[in-house]
Amino acid sequence: MINLSMLKPTGHLTLGNLLGALRPMAAAQRSPAGSICYYGVADLHALTVDHDPARLRALTTEMARLLLAIGLDRSTLFIQSHVPAHAELSYLLECTAHIGELNRMIQFKEKGRNRPSTRVSLFTYPALMAADILLYRPTTVPVGDDQRQHVELTRDLALRFNRTYGEVFTVPEIVTAPAGARVMNLQDPGSKMGKSDDDGGGIIHLLDPPDVVRRKVGRAVTDSDVGVGSVRPDRAAKPGVTNLLDILVACGGSAEGITTYGGLKAAVTDAVVAELEPIRNRYADLDPGEVSSVFASGAEVCRRATAPMLAAARTAMGLV
């Protein structure tokens, strides 16, 4: 079984990333013998919007180090731009895609359509996402609702390519992704805690020290219901309290006996600090040279793994 996940370095990794995505990625390393995990930093995807090159470089370096600190040391780790097959197959798939289907992609519709300054890469990046998947020949791709459209396009492109040029790509099946913990913004519990969001105090980052965690949790939105039984889950009526309860349980804590919002926030703070402390310590202890070596080795593994698929696609399209 092949497991593939990639993270864009568009912001600092958050508690939401850890509980919702990174934990399942770590668990996949313990799958039955024969499973292979490819986990990448998708720096090419970060180029679809205006960006500061120095910040992108710093975020890529930080994310790479954090993936090791989190414990993804049994996987093949790589940086996307260090495996040229991703960009090359992306262009071949652009030559297979149709304008109409790319024009319907949600990201482009919401962020770029009818805006003259939109980068062409925002329009074409679904082809790069398809290349990311098809290069590694997974038979299944677990997806949430927000990524289903991209994987459906990947399947369409693979099927069209195979019909037009011959059988080259494995057409992956879409499966429902395992539900990870859904962590919401502490200041806006109706929105996910996203790494690309501006930090108005509602985002807990993996490298936040304990005093910062305490301050952010202490200022988290609750509600005006402070009577007996107010500490209870109710996603519709009490989204802020429900979010804190979810975080507490996901970080190994318990709400048993907690009757006040102050007590809840103290328990959440303790649980989150305990969850993040070993990650912060491992991050601090990692030698930058060791991180670079791990990712260089991973990129070489990926170059070897993707070369046959890229060669087959080139040959099928008439390139020599």
Protein backbone atom coordinates (compact mmCIF):
# COMPACT_ATOMS: atom_id res chain seq x y z
CA MET A 1 0.00 0.00 0.00
CA ILE A 2 1.28 3.46 -0.91
CA ASN A 3 0.49 6.44 1.35
CA LEU A 4 1.10 9.90 -0.09
CA SER A 5 0.53 13.25 1.65
CA MET A 6 1.91 16.68 0.89
CA LEU A 7 1.73 19.91 2.90
CA LYS A 8 2.04 23.43 1.49
CA PRO A 9 4.53 25.68 3.31
CA THR A 10 2.15 28.64 3.35
CA GLY A 11 2.24 29.15 7.11
CA HIS A 12 3.45 27.69 10.38
CA LEU A 13 2.08 24.23 11.20
CA THR A 14 -0.72 24.33 13.75
CA LEU A 15 -2.36 22.18 16.38
CA GLY A 16 -5.11 21.60 13.81
CA ASN A 17 -2.57 20.21 11.34
CA LEU A 18 -1.15 17.93 14.03
CA LEU A 19 -4.44 16.45 15.23
CA GLY A 20 -6.20 16.39 11.87
CA ALA A 21 -3.46 15.32 9.44
CA LEU A 22 -0.05 14.66 10.94
CA ARG A 23 -1.20 12.12 13.51
CA PRO A 24 -2.89 9.96 10.82
CA MET A 25 0.28 10.28 8.72
CA ALA A 26 2.35 8.99 11.63
CA ALA A 27 -0.13 6.16 12.20
CA ALA A 28 0.20 5.10 8.56
CA GLN A 29 3.88 4.37 9.20
CA ARG A 30 2.76 1.56 11.49
CA SER A 31 0.59 -0.04 8.79
CA PRO A 32 1.22 -3.67 7.76
CA ALA A 33 4.57 -4.62 6.23
CA GLY A 34 4.87 -3.58 2.62
CA SER A 35 3.27 -0.16 3.10
CA ILE A 36 5.27 2.79 1.79
CA CYS A 37 4.79 6.37 3.00
CA TYR A 38 5.82 9.35 0.87
CA TYR A 39 5.41 12.67 2.68
CA GLY A 40 6.39 15.87 0.96
CA VAL A 41 6.65 19.62 1.44
CA ALA A 42 4.72 21.01 -1.53
CA ASP A 43 6.76 24.15 -2.14
CA LEU A 44 5.78 24.37 -5.83
CA HIS A 45 2.13 24.71 -4.82
CA ALA A 46 3.06 27.73 -2.70
CA LEU A 47 4.00 29.66 -5.86
CA THR A 48 0.42 30.00 -7.15
CA VAL A 49 -0.08 33.28 -5.24
CA ASP A 50 2.12 36.25 -4.36
CA HIS A 51 4.80 35.18 -1.92
CA ASP A 52 8.02 36.34 -0.29
CA PRO A 53 10.86 34.02 -1.43
CA ALA A 54 12.73 34.36 1.87
CA ARG A 55 9.60 33.49 3.86
CA LEU A 56 8.85 30.51 1.61
CA ARG A 57 12.40 29.23 2.09
CA ALA A 58 12.16 29.66 5.88
CA LEU A 59 8.74 27.98 6.10
CA THR A 60 9.92 25.07 3.95
CA THR A 61 12.94 24.56 6.21
CA GLU A 62 10.80 24.80 9.36
CA MET A 63 8.19 22.37 8.02
CA ALA A 64 10.83 19.84 7.02
CA ARG A 65 12.34 19.94 10.50
CA LEU A 66 8.92 19.66 12.13
CA LEU A 67 7.98 16.58 10.11
CA LEU A 68 10.96 14.85 11.67
CA ALA A 69 10.25 16.28 15.12
CA ILE A 70 6.70 14.91 14.92
CA GLY A 71 8.11 11.45 14.30
CA LEU A 72 7.71 10.82 10.58
CA ASP A 73 11.13 9.19 10.52
CA ARG A 74 9.94 5.87 9.10
CA SER A 75 8.70 7.55 5.91
CA THR A 76 10.29 8.85 2.74
CA LEU A 77 10.41 12.62 3.26
CA PHE A 78 11.06 15.01 0.39
CA ILE A 79 10.66 18.54 -0.87
CA GLN A 80 8.53 18.64 -4.01
CA SER A 81 10.78 20.94 -6.07
CA HIS A 82 13.73 18.59 -5.45
CA VAL A 83 11.97 15.88 -7.49
CA PRO A 84 11.81 17.34 -11.04
CA ALA A 85 9.35 14.69 -12.24
CA HIS A 86 6.54 16.55 -10.46
CA ALA A 87 6.92 19.66 -12.61
CA GLU A 88 7.60 17.75 -15.83
CA LEU A 89 4.64 15.40 -15.56
CA SER A 90 2.49 18.37 -14.58
CA TYR A 91 3.14 19.92 -18.00
CA LEU A 92 2.34 16.66 -19.79
CA LEU A 93 -0.95 16.53 -17.89
CA GLU A 94 -1.67 20.17 -18.77
CA CYS A 95 -1.43 18.97 -22.37
CA THR A 96 -4.12 16.42 -21.50
CA ALA A 97 -6.46 18.68 -19.49
CA HIS A 98 -9.21 20.88 -20.93
CA ILE A 99 -9.79 24.55 -20.15
CA GLY A 100 -13.38 23.89 -19.15
CA GLU A 101 -12.55 21.43 -16.40
CA LEU A 102 -9.78 23.60 -14.94
CA ASN A 103 -12.11 26.60 -15.08
CA ARG A 104 -14.58 24.72 -12.86
CA MET A 105 -12.09 24.03 -10.09
CA ILE A 106 -13.24 25.60 -6.84
CA GLN A 107 -9.92 27.22 -5.87
CA PHE A 108 -9.70 29.06 -9.18
CA LYS A 109 -13.37 30.06 -9.10
CA GLU A 110 -13.03 31.51 -5.60
CA LYS A 111 -9.56 33.05 -5.75
CA GLY A 112 -8.65 33.82 -9.34
CA ARG A 113 -11.41 33.93 -11.93
CA ASN A 114 -11.95 37.36 -13.54
CA ARG A 115 -8.91 38.81 -11.76
CA PRO A 116 -6.34 39.96 -14.34
CA SER A 117 -3.42 39.64 -11.89
CA THR A 118 -4.16 35.97 -11.14
CA ARG A 119 -1.14 33.77 -11.76
CA VAL A 120 -1.52 31.19 -14.51
CA SER A 121 -0.27 28.59 -12.04
CA LEU A 122 -3.41 29.02 -9.93
CA PHE A 123 -5.39 27.91 -12.99
CA THR A 124 -3.13 24.99 -13.89
CA TYR A 125 -2.05 23.75 -10.44
CA PRO A 126 -4.66 20.95 -10.40
CA ALA A 127 -2.52 19.30 -13.09
CA LEU A 128 0.42 19.48 -10.70
CA MET A 129 -1.69 17.88 -7.97
CA ALA A 130 -2.61 15.13 -10.42
CA ALA A 131 1.08 14.62 -11.22
CA ASP A 132 1.87 14.44 -7.49
CA ILE A 133 -0.53 11.51 -7.20
CA LEU A 134 -0.01 9.63 -10.46
CA LEU A 135 3.79 9.57 -10.19
CA TYR A 136 3.61 7.28 -7.14
CA ARG A 137 0.93 4.90 -8.52
CA PRO A 138 -1.33 4.62 -5.47
CA THR A 139 -4.35 2.40 -6.00
CA THR A 140 -6.47 4.40 -3.55
CA VAL A 141 -6.45 8.05 -2.47
CA PRO A 142 -8.14 8.94 0.83
CA VAL A 143 -9.80 12.36 0.54
CA GLY A 144 -11.99 14.71 2.50
CA ASP A 145 -14.70 16.75 0.84
CA ASP A 146 -12.34 19.68 0.20
CA GLN A 147 -10.02 17.57 -1.98
CA ARG A 148 -12.50 15.29 -3.74
CA GLN A 149 -12.73 17.52 -6.83
CA HIS A 150 -8.96 17.40 -7.32
CA VAL A 151 -8.81 13.61 -7.13
CA GLU A 152 -11.79 13.30 -9.47
CA LEU A 153 -9.87 15.44 -11.98
CA THR A 154 -6.79 13.25 -11.45
CA ARG A 155 -8.85 10.20 -12.35
CA ASP A 156 -10.30 11.95 -15.42
CA LEU A 157 -6.85 12.94 -16.67
CA ALA A 158 -5.42 9.47 -16.10
CA LEU A 159 -8.31 7.83 -17.95
CA ARG A 160 -8.10 10.29 -20.86
CA PHE A 161 -4.33 9.88 -21.10
CA ASN A 162 -4.63 6.08 -21.12
CA ARG A 163 -7.32 6.16 -23.81
CA THR A 164 -5.37 8.57 -25.98
CA TYR A 165 -1.79 7.37 -25.61
CA GLY A 166 -2.00 3.87 -24.17
CA GLU A 167 -2.14 2.39 -20.69
CA VAL A 168 0.39 4.26 -18.58
CA PHE A 169 -1.24 5.45 -15.36
CA THR A 170 -2.82 3.57 -12.50
CA VAL A 171 -6.26 5.15 -12.04
CA PRO A 172 -6.69 5.52 -8.28
CA GLU A 173 -9.95 4.87 -6.49
CA ILE A 174 -11.33 7.55 -4.18
CA VAL A 175 -11.90 6.45 -0.60
CA THR A 176 -13.17 8.46 2.33
CA ALA A 177 -10.32 9.72 4.45
CA PRO A 178 -10.23 8.61 8.10
CA ALA A 179 -11.74 11.35 10.21
CA GLY A 180 -9.04 13.22 12.08
CA ALA A 181 -9.75 15.63 14.92
CA ARG A 182 -11.38 18.78 13.55
CA VAL A 183 -9.83 21.75 15.31
CA MET A 184 -11.43 25.15 14.90
CA ASN A 185 -10.04 28.66 15.27
CA LEU A 186 -10.15 29.72 18.93
CA GLN A 187 -11.41 33.18 17.99
CA ASP A 188 -13.74 32.01 15.23
CA PRO A 189 -15.00 28.51 16.05
CA GLY A 190 -16.93 28.40 12.80
CA SER A 191 -13.66 28.24 10.83
CA LYS A 192 -10.88 25.66 10.81
CA MET A 193 -7.56 26.44 12.47
CA GLY A 194 -5.65 26.92 9.21
CA LYS A 195 -1.92 27.55 8.89
CA SER A 196 -2.45 30.07 6.07
CA ASP A 197 -4.79 32.25 8.14
CA ASP A 198 -3.76 35.51 9.74
CA ASP A 199 -3.12 34.87 13.40
CA GLY A 200 -5.52 36.95 15.45
CA GLY A 201 -4.78 34.84 18.50
CA GLY A 202 -7.00 31.96 17.42
CA ILE A 203 -4.29 29.69 16.04
CA ILE A 204 -2.00 27.52 18.16
CA HIS A 205 1.24 26.81 16.33
CA LEU A 206 3.29 23.71 17.05
CA LEU A 207 6.26 25.78 18.17
CA ASP A 208 4.29 28.12 20.44
CA PRO A 209 5.86 28.17 23.93
CA PRO A 210 3.64 27.40 26.96
CA ASP A 211 2.98 31.05 27.86
CA VAL A 212 1.72 31.76 24.34
CA VAL A 213 -0.52 28.67 24.41
CA ARG A 214 -1.88 29.77 27.79
CA ARG A 215 -2.66 33.26 26.51
CA LYS A 216 -4.39 32.03 23.35
CA VAL A 217 -6.50 29.43 25.13
CA GLY A 218 -7.33 31.93 27.86
CA ARG A 219 -8.76 34.32 25.27
CA ALA A 220 -10.66 31.62 23.37
CA VAL A 221 -14.29 32.38 22.55
CA THR A 222 -16.84 30.57 24.71
CA ASP A 223 -20.37 31.97 25.21
CA SER A 224 -22.50 33.86 27.71
CA ASP A 225 -24.04 30.73 29.27
CA VAL A 226 -22.15 30.36 32.54
CA GLY A 227 -24.67 28.51 34.67
CA VAL A 228 -24.71 24.94 35.90
CA GLY A 229 -24.07 22.51 33.06
CA SER A 230 -22.61 25.19 30.78
CA VAL A 231 -19.49 23.09 30.05
CA ARG A 232 -21.06 20.71 27.57
CA PRO A 233 -20.69 19.97 23.84
CA ASP A 234 -23.24 21.61 21.55
CA ARG A 235 -21.79 22.44 18.16
CA ALA A 236 -24.71 24.63 17.12
CA ALA A 237 -25.30 26.60 20.31
CA LYS A 238 -21.83 26.42 21.91
CA PRO A 239 -19.24 26.07 19.12
CA GLY A 240 -16.40 27.64 21.13
CA VAL A 241 -16.91 25.41 24.15
CA THR A 242 -17.34 22.35 21.94
CA ASN A 243 -14.07 23.16 20.17
CA LEU A 244 -12.22 23.40 23.49
CA LEU A 245 -13.71 20.09 24.61
CA ASP A 246 -12.66 18.45 21.34
CA ILE A 247 -9.11 19.77 21.72
CA LEU A 248 -8.96 18.58 25.33
CA VAL A 249 -9.98 15.03 24.45
CA ALA A 250 -7.78 14.90 21.32
CA CYS A 251 -4.78 15.88 23.44
CA GLY A 252 -5.46 13.13 25.95
CA GLY A 253 -7.29 15.13 28.59
CA SER A 254 -10.70 14.67 30.18
CA ALA A 255 -13.54 17.08 30.93
CA GLU A 256 -14.80 14.97 33.83
CA GLY A 257 -15.49 17.16 36.83
CA ILE A 258 -14.98 20.45 34.98
CA THR A 259 -17.84 22.84 35.67
CA THR A 260 -16.50 26.29 34.70
CA TYR A 261 -15.04 27.84 31.58
CA GLY A 262 -11.96 28.83 33.56
CA GLY A 263 -11.44 25.23 34.59
CA LEU A 264 -11.96 24.07 31.02
CA LYS A 265 -9.41 26.52 29.64
CA ALA A 266 -6.87 25.53 32.31
CA ALA A 267 -7.32 21.85 31.44
CA VAL A 268 -7.04 22.54 27.70
CA THR A 269 -3.87 24.58 28.25
CA ASP A 270 -2.24 21.79 30.28
CA ALA A 271 -3.20 19.15 27.70
CA VAL A 272 -1.97 21.18 24.72
CA VAL A 273 1.30 22.13 26.40
CA ALA A 274 1.92 18.47 27.25
CA GLU A 275 1.15 17.49 23.64
CA LEU A 276 3.47 20.09 22.11
CA GLU A 277 6.37 19.97 24.55
CA PRO A 278 8.06 16.81 23.16
CA ILE A 279 7.68 18.15 19.62
CA ARG A 280 9.28 21.46 20.56
CA ASN A 281 12.10 19.66 22.37
CA ARG A 282 12.83 17.33 19.45
CA TYR A 283 12.69 20.27 17.05
CA ALA A 284 15.27 22.13 19.13
CA ASP A 285 17.54 19.08 19.35
CA LEU A 286 17.54 18.26 15.63
CA ASP A 287 20.71 19.13 13.76
CA PRO A 288 19.93 21.12 10.58
CA GLY A 289 22.50 19.07 8.70
CA GLU A 290 20.73 15.87 9.72
CA VAL A 291 17.40 17.25 8.47
CA SER A 292 18.95 18.22 5.14
CA SER A 293 20.50 14.77 4.80
CA VAL A 294 17.19 13.00 5.48
CA PHE A 295 15.36 15.08 2.90
CA ALA A 296 18.15 14.76 0.34
CA SER A 297 18.01 10.98 0.70
CA GLY A 298 14.23 11.07 0.46
CA ALA A 299 14.34 13.15 -2.71
CA GLU A 300 16.73 10.64 -4.27
CA VAL A 301 14.36 7.78 -3.39
CA CYS A 302 11.51 9.72 -4.98
CA ARG A 303 13.52 10.48 -8.12
CA ARG A 304 14.16 6.77 -8.58
CA ALA A 305 10.56 5.86 -7.79
CA THR A 306 9.05 8.40 -10.21
CA ALA A 307 11.49 8.01 -13.12
CA PRO A 308 9.78 4.97 -14.72
CA MET A 309 6.35 6.61 -14.67
CA LEU A 310 7.65 9.85 -16.16
CA ALA A 311 9.60 7.95 -18.82
CA ALA A 312 6.52 5.92 -19.75
CA ALA A 313 4.39 9.08 -20.07
CA ARG A 314 7.03 10.81 -22.21
CA THR A 315 7.35 7.83 -24.51
CA ALA A 316 3.59 7.42 -24.84
CA MET A 317 3.23 11.07 -25.91
CA GLY A 318 5.97 10.75 -28.54
CA LEU A 319 8.82 12.45 -26.69
CA VAL A 320 12.25 10.87 -27.12
